[in-house]
Amino acid sequence: QVQLVESGGGLVQTGGSLRLSCAASGSILSIYDMGWYRQAPGKQRELVAGISSGGSTNYADSVKGRFTISRVNAKNTVYLQMNSLKPEDTAVYYCNADGARTFWGQGTQVTVSS
């Protein structure tokens, strides 16, 4: 069983930055596709950014140019650097690992004040 633990959320003003971290309990980053999802109140969970086991990245149109996903395999950690944050980025952010099985973290709250 793989555990994913997110950290780095918090309250930030519009235009600010946060870096989310997702630490995996096992050495899965080289074989699993990893992603960051978010869910705002009353809305469906949506993909924010993904990074494949091969290193390819993809982003939701709403965050392109502002967010960057990266990973450090040796640390079993995936990061989401979020810059130029907007109130509409407010949500619970979840880490996801997709491979032979799918795993989710518990989520971390990001709140952007206007």
Protein backbone atom coordinates (compact mmCIF):
# COMPACT_ATOMS: atom_id res chain seq x y z
CA GLN A 1 0.00 0.00 0.00
CA VAL A 2 1.38 3.40 -1.02
CA GLN A 3 0.71 6.42 1.12
CA LEU A 4 0.77 9.96 -0.28
CA VAL A 5 1.15 12.85 2.14
CA GLU A 6 0.59 16.40 0.93
CA SER A 7 1.90 19.52 2.63
CA GLY A 8 2.45 23.16 1.89
CA GLY A 9 -1.08 24.47 1.68
CA GLY A 10 -2.23 27.58 3.45
CA LEU A 11 -3.65 31.06 3.13
CA VAL A 12 -2.09 33.47 0.67
CA GLN A 13 -3.07 36.76 -0.91
CA THR A 14 -3.85 37.20 -4.58
CA GLY A 15 -0.63 37.22 -6.56
CA GLY A 16 1.24 35.20 -3.97
CA SER A 17 2.96 31.84 -4.24
CA LEU A 18 2.86 28.47 -2.55
CA ARG A 19 4.72 25.22 -3.09
CA LEU A 20 2.89 21.99 -2.43
CA SER A 21 4.76 18.78 -1.72
CA CYS A 22 3.59 15.19 -2.02
CA ALA A 23 5.73 12.58 -0.33
CA ALA A 24 5.19 8.97 -1.35
CA SER A 25 5.86 6.13 1.06
CA GLY A 26 7.45 3.96 -1.62
CA SER A 27 9.72 4.35 -4.61
CA ILE A 28 6.96 4.71 -7.15
CA LEU A 29 7.71 7.97 -8.94
CA SER A 30 9.76 6.29 -11.66
CA ILE A 31 6.93 3.89 -12.55
CA TYR A 32 3.77 5.83 -11.72
CA ASP A 33 2.23 8.85 -13.35
CA MET A 34 1.75 11.53 -10.72
CA GLY A 35 -0.75 14.34 -10.64
CA TRP A 36 -2.18 17.20 -8.65
CA TYR A 37 -5.93 17.59 -8.58
CA ARG A 38 -8.11 20.13 -6.85
CA GLN A 39 -11.67 20.33 -5.69
CA ALA A 40 -13.43 23.55 -4.82
CA PRO A 41 -16.68 23.59 -2.81
CA GLY A 42 -19.60 22.49 -4.95
CA LYS A 43 -17.38 21.57 -7.88
CA GLN A 44 -15.98 18.36 -9.28
CA ARG A 45 -12.40 17.33 -8.71
CA GLU A 46 -10.25 18.44 -11.64
CA LEU A 47 -6.75 17.73 -12.87
CA VAL A 48 -4.42 20.67 -12.30
CA ALA A 49 -1.09 19.24 -13.45
CA GLY A 50 0.40 15.87 -14.22
CA ILE A 51 3.85 14.40 -14.71
CA SER A 52 4.30 11.01 -16.31
CA SER A 53 6.79 8.36 -15.25
CA GLY A 54 8.78 9.45 -18.29
CA GLY A 55 8.81 13.08 -17.22
CA SER A 56 6.22 14.57 -19.58
CA THR A 57 4.06 17.26 -18.04
CA ASN A 58 0.59 18.58 -18.73
CA TYR A 59 -1.44 21.38 -17.22
CA ALA A 60 -4.99 22.59 -17.05
CA ASP A 61 -5.46 25.65 -19.24
CA SER A 62 -6.38 27.70 -16.18
CA VAL A 63 -2.96 27.24 -14.59
CA LYS A 64 -0.62 27.18 -17.58
CA GLY A 65 2.21 29.62 -17.14
CA ARG A 66 1.56 29.95 -13.40
CA PHE A 67 1.97 26.44 -11.98
CA THR A 68 4.87 24.04 -12.39
CA ILE A 69 4.89 20.36 -11.50
CA SER A 70 8.16 18.61 -10.80
CA ARG A 71 9.46 15.57 -9.01
CA VAL A 72 12.59 14.33 -7.29
CA ASN A 73 12.62 10.56 -7.59
CA ALA A 74 15.37 10.14 -5.02
CA LYS A 75 13.13 11.85 -2.46
CA ASN A 76 9.94 10.12 -3.65
CA THR A 77 8.42 13.60 -3.75
CA VAL A 78 6.35 15.53 -6.27
CA TYR A 79 6.01 19.30 -6.07
CA LEU A 80 3.56 21.85 -7.37
CA GLN A 81 4.93 25.38 -7.51
CA MET A 82 2.03 27.79 -7.69
CA ASN A 83 2.69 31.41 -8.62
CA SER A 84 0.43 34.37 -9.33
CA LEU A 85 -2.33 32.76 -7.32
CA LYS A 86 -5.91 33.86 -7.85
CA PRO A 87 -9.00 33.52 -5.65
CA GLU A 88 -10.34 30.94 -8.11
CA ASP A 89 -7.39 28.70 -7.23
CA THR A 90 -8.91 28.22 -3.78
CA ALA A 91 -9.57 24.50 -3.30
CA VAL A 92 -8.41 21.36 -1.59
CA TYR A 93 -5.45 20.04 -3.54
CA TYR A 94 -4.90 16.30 -3.80
CA CYS A 95 -1.90 14.29 -4.89
CA ASN A 96 -2.55 11.30 -7.13
CA ALA A 97 -0.46 8.33 -8.18
CA ASP A 98 -1.70 6.35 -11.17
CA GLY A 99 -0.19 3.08 -12.27
CA ALA A 100 -0.94 -0.54 -11.56
CA ARG A 101 -3.15 0.93 -8.84
CA THR A 102 -4.40 4.39 -8.05
CA PHE A 103 -3.62 6.19 -4.82
CA TRP A 104 -4.76 9.51 -3.37
CA GLY A 105 -3.46 11.71 -0.63
CA GLN A 106 -5.62 13.24 2.05
CA GLY A 107 -5.56 16.72 0.53
CA THR A 108 -4.23 20.10 1.58
CA GLN A 109 -6.25 23.31 1.66
CA VAL A 110 -5.18 26.28 -0.43
CA THR A 111 -7.01 29.53 0.16
CA VAL A 112 -6.31 32.64 -1.89
CA SER A 113 -7.75 35.84 -0.50
CA SER A 114 -8.73 38.74 -2.72
